[in-house]
Amino acid sequence: ELSPQSYIGTRAAFFCFLNLGKLPIRVMGGTLGMPMLPLAAGLGLVAVAGVFLAKPIMLGMNEKTFVRLELGVVAFAGLRLCYMGLQQ
């Protein structure tokens, strides 16, 4: 069982490398063109800022609250995906 800090760090590193691997595929597929690169870079900076802003909040939260929030986010995302799948 990982501490909240270790869990978030592991998850962030995993998705960072996963999404970096997608970049060449999106560029070659034409879904990420040159006009979108400034937007992508800006959103990347927002994500980095979010990491630094969220750290003090997370460190002040007890583990039980963190786990409940994490499970709530995962449940919401799963329900939203199911709903979107049914709409097609």
C-alpha atoms as a PDB file:
ATOM      1  CA  GLU A   1       0.000   0.000   0.000  1.00  0.00           C
ATOM      2  CA  LEU A   2       1.405   3.352  -1.064  1.00  0.00           C
ATOM      3  CA  SER A   3       1.191   6.607   0.830  1.00  0.00           C
ATOM      4  CA  PRO A   4      -0.852   9.328  -0.906  1.00  0.00           C
ATOM      5  CA  GLN A   5       2.347  11.130  -1.945  1.00  0.00           C
ATOM      6  CA  SER A   6       3.860   7.968  -3.451  1.00  0.00           C
ATOM      7  CA  TYR A   7       0.590   7.063  -5.173  1.00  0.00           C
ATOM      8  CA  ILE A   8       0.243  10.479  -6.825  1.00  0.00           C
ATOM      9  CA  GLY A   9       3.910  10.558  -7.843  1.00  0.00           C
ATOM     10  CA  THR A  10       3.737   7.074  -9.353  1.00  0.00           C
ATOM     11  CA  ARG A  11       0.519   7.836 -11.214  1.00  0.00           C
ATOM     12  CA  ALA A  12       1.816  11.168 -12.500  1.00  0.00           C
ATOM     13  CA  ALA A  13       5.048   9.628 -13.781  1.00  0.00           C
ATOM     14  CA  PHE A  14       3.160   6.769 -15.477  1.00  0.00           C
ATOM     15  CA  PHE A  15       0.752   9.061 -17.323  1.00  0.00           C
ATOM     16  CA  CYS A  16       3.513  11.511 -18.219  1.00  0.00           C
ATOM     17  CA  PHE A  17       5.483   8.807 -20.046  1.00  0.00           C
ATOM     18  CA  LEU A  18       2.326   7.297 -21.526  1.00  0.00           C
ATOM     19  CA  ASN A  19       1.233  10.632 -22.990  1.00  0.00           C
ATOM     20  CA  LEU A  20       4.734  11.508 -24.209  1.00  0.00           C
ATOM     21  CA  GLY A  21       4.628   8.278 -26.198  1.00  0.00           C
ATOM     22  CA  LYS A  22       1.408   9.391 -27.853  1.00  0.00           C
ATOM     23  CA  LEU A  23       2.823  12.668 -29.152  1.00  0.00           C
ATOM     24  CA  PRO A  24       4.667  11.312 -32.219  1.00  0.00           C
ATOM     25  CA  ILE A  25       1.627   9.219 -33.170  1.00  0.00           C
ATOM     26  CA  ARG A  26      -0.679  12.236 -32.960  1.00  0.00           C
ATOM     27  CA  VAL A  27       1.720  14.421 -34.957  1.00  0.00           C
ATOM     28  CA  MET A  28       2.097  11.771 -37.689  1.00  0.00           C
ATOM     29  CA  GLY A  29      -1.665  11.152 -37.698  1.00  0.00           C
ATOM     30  CA  GLY A  30      -2.365  14.840 -38.191  1.00  0.00           C
ATOM     31  CA  THR A  31      -4.449  15.268 -35.036  1.00  0.00           C
ATOM     32  CA  LEU A  32      -1.784  17.464 -33.408  1.00  0.00           C
ATOM     33  CA  GLY A  33      -0.657  20.074 -35.904  1.00  0.00           C
ATOM     34  CA  MET A  34       1.587  23.089 -35.603  1.00  0.00           C
ATOM     35  CA  PRO A  35      -1.301  25.501 -34.830  1.00  0.00           C
ATOM     36  CA  MET A  36      -2.157  23.427 -31.731  1.00  0.00           C
ATOM     37  CA  LEU A  37       1.385  23.365 -30.306  1.00  0.00           C
ATOM     38  CA  PRO A  38       1.126  26.722 -28.449  1.00  0.00           C
ATOM     39  CA  LEU A  39      -2.123  25.562 -26.837  1.00  0.00           C
ATOM     40  CA  ALA A  40      -0.555  22.212 -25.897  1.00  0.00           C
ATOM     41  CA  ALA A  41       2.470  23.953 -24.398  1.00  0.00           C
ATOM     42  CA  GLY A  42       0.261  26.332 -22.432  1.00  0.00           C
ATOM     43  CA  LEU A  43      -1.837  23.486 -21.073  1.00  0.00           C
ATOM     44  CA  GLY A  44       1.341  21.664 -20.121  1.00  0.00           C
ATOM     45  CA  LEU A  45       2.442  24.681 -18.087  1.00  0.00           C
ATOM     46  CA  VAL A  46      -0.964  24.824 -16.402  1.00  0.00           C
ATOM     47  CA  ALA A  47      -0.608  21.140 -15.497  1.00  0.00           C
ATOM     48  CA  VAL A  48       2.836  21.709 -13.962  1.00  0.00           C
ATOM     49  CA  ALA A  49       1.512  24.678 -11.975  1.00  0.00           C
ATOM     50  CA  GLY A  50      -1.377  22.505 -10.789  1.00  0.00           C
ATOM     51  CA  VAL A  51       1.054  19.933  -9.439  1.00  0.00           C
ATOM     52  CA  PHE A  52       2.862  22.543  -7.361  1.00  0.00           C
ATOM     53  CA  LEU A  53      -0.356  24.155  -6.137  1.00  0.00           C
ATOM     54  CA  ALA A  54      -1.959  20.823  -5.203  1.00  0.00           C
ATOM     55  CA  LYS A  55       0.974  19.532  -3.144  1.00  0.00           C
ATOM     56  CA  PRO A  56       0.355  21.695  -0.035  1.00  0.00           C
ATOM     57  CA  ILE A  57      -3.358  20.863  -0.155  1.00  0.00           C
ATOM     58  CA  MET A  58      -2.667  17.148  -0.380  1.00  0.00           C
ATOM     59  CA  LEU A  59      -0.075  17.211   2.394  1.00  0.00           C
ATOM     60  CA  GLY A  60      -2.601  18.861   4.722  1.00  0.00           C
ATOM     61  CA  MET A  61      -5.239  16.204   4.031  1.00  0.00           C
ATOM     62  CA  ASN A  62      -5.522  13.012   6.057  1.00  0.00           C
ATOM     63  CA  GLU A  63      -5.200   9.703   4.232  1.00  0.00           C
ATOM     64  CA  LYS A  64      -8.826   8.620   4.689  1.00  0.00           C
ATOM     65  CA  THR A  65     -10.118  11.820   3.061  1.00  0.00           C
ATOM     66  CA  PHE A  66      -7.608  11.426   0.227  1.00  0.00           C
ATOM     67  CA  VAL A  67      -8.721   7.857  -0.481  1.00  0.00           C
ATOM     68  CA  ARG A  68     -12.390   8.867  -0.480  1.00  0.00           C
ATOM     69  CA  LEU A  69     -11.753  11.756  -2.874  1.00  0.00           C
ATOM     70  CA  GLU A  70      -9.666   9.555  -5.160  1.00  0.00           C
ATOM     71  CA  LEU A  71     -12.337   6.850  -5.281  1.00  0.00           C
ATOM     72  CA  GLY A  72     -14.991   9.504  -5.907  1.00  0.00           C
ATOM     73  CA  VAL A  73     -13.062  10.900  -8.873  1.00  0.00           C
ATOM     74  CA  VAL A  74     -12.531   7.420 -10.316  1.00  0.00           C
ATOM     75  CA  ALA A  75     -16.228   6.547  -9.866  1.00  0.00           C
ATOM     76  CA  PHE A  76     -17.310   9.830 -11.486  1.00  0.00           C
ATOM     77  CA  ALA A  77     -14.971   9.276 -14.444  1.00  0.00           C
ATOM     78  CA  GLY A  78     -16.232   5.716 -14.903  1.00  0.00           C
ATOM     79  CA  LEU A  79     -19.883   6.759 -14.787  1.00  0.00           C
ATOM     80  CA  ARG A  80     -19.233   9.599 -17.210  1.00  0.00           C
ATOM     81  CA  LEU A  81     -17.527   7.234 -19.655  1.00  0.00           C
ATOM     82  CA  CYS A  82     -20.462   4.816 -19.429  1.00  0.00           C
ATOM     83  CA  TYR A  83     -22.932   7.651 -19.998  1.00  0.00           C
ATOM     84  CA  MET A  84     -20.980   8.960 -22.989  1.00  0.00           C
ATOM     85  CA  GLY A  85     -20.789   5.449 -24.432  1.00  0.00           C
ATOM     86  CA  LEU A  86     -24.551   5.049 -24.172  1.00  0.00           C
ATOM     87  CA  GLN A  87     -25.127   8.380 -25.954  1.00  0.00           C
ATOM     88  CA  GLN A  88     -23.409   7.195 -29.156  1.00  0.00           C
END
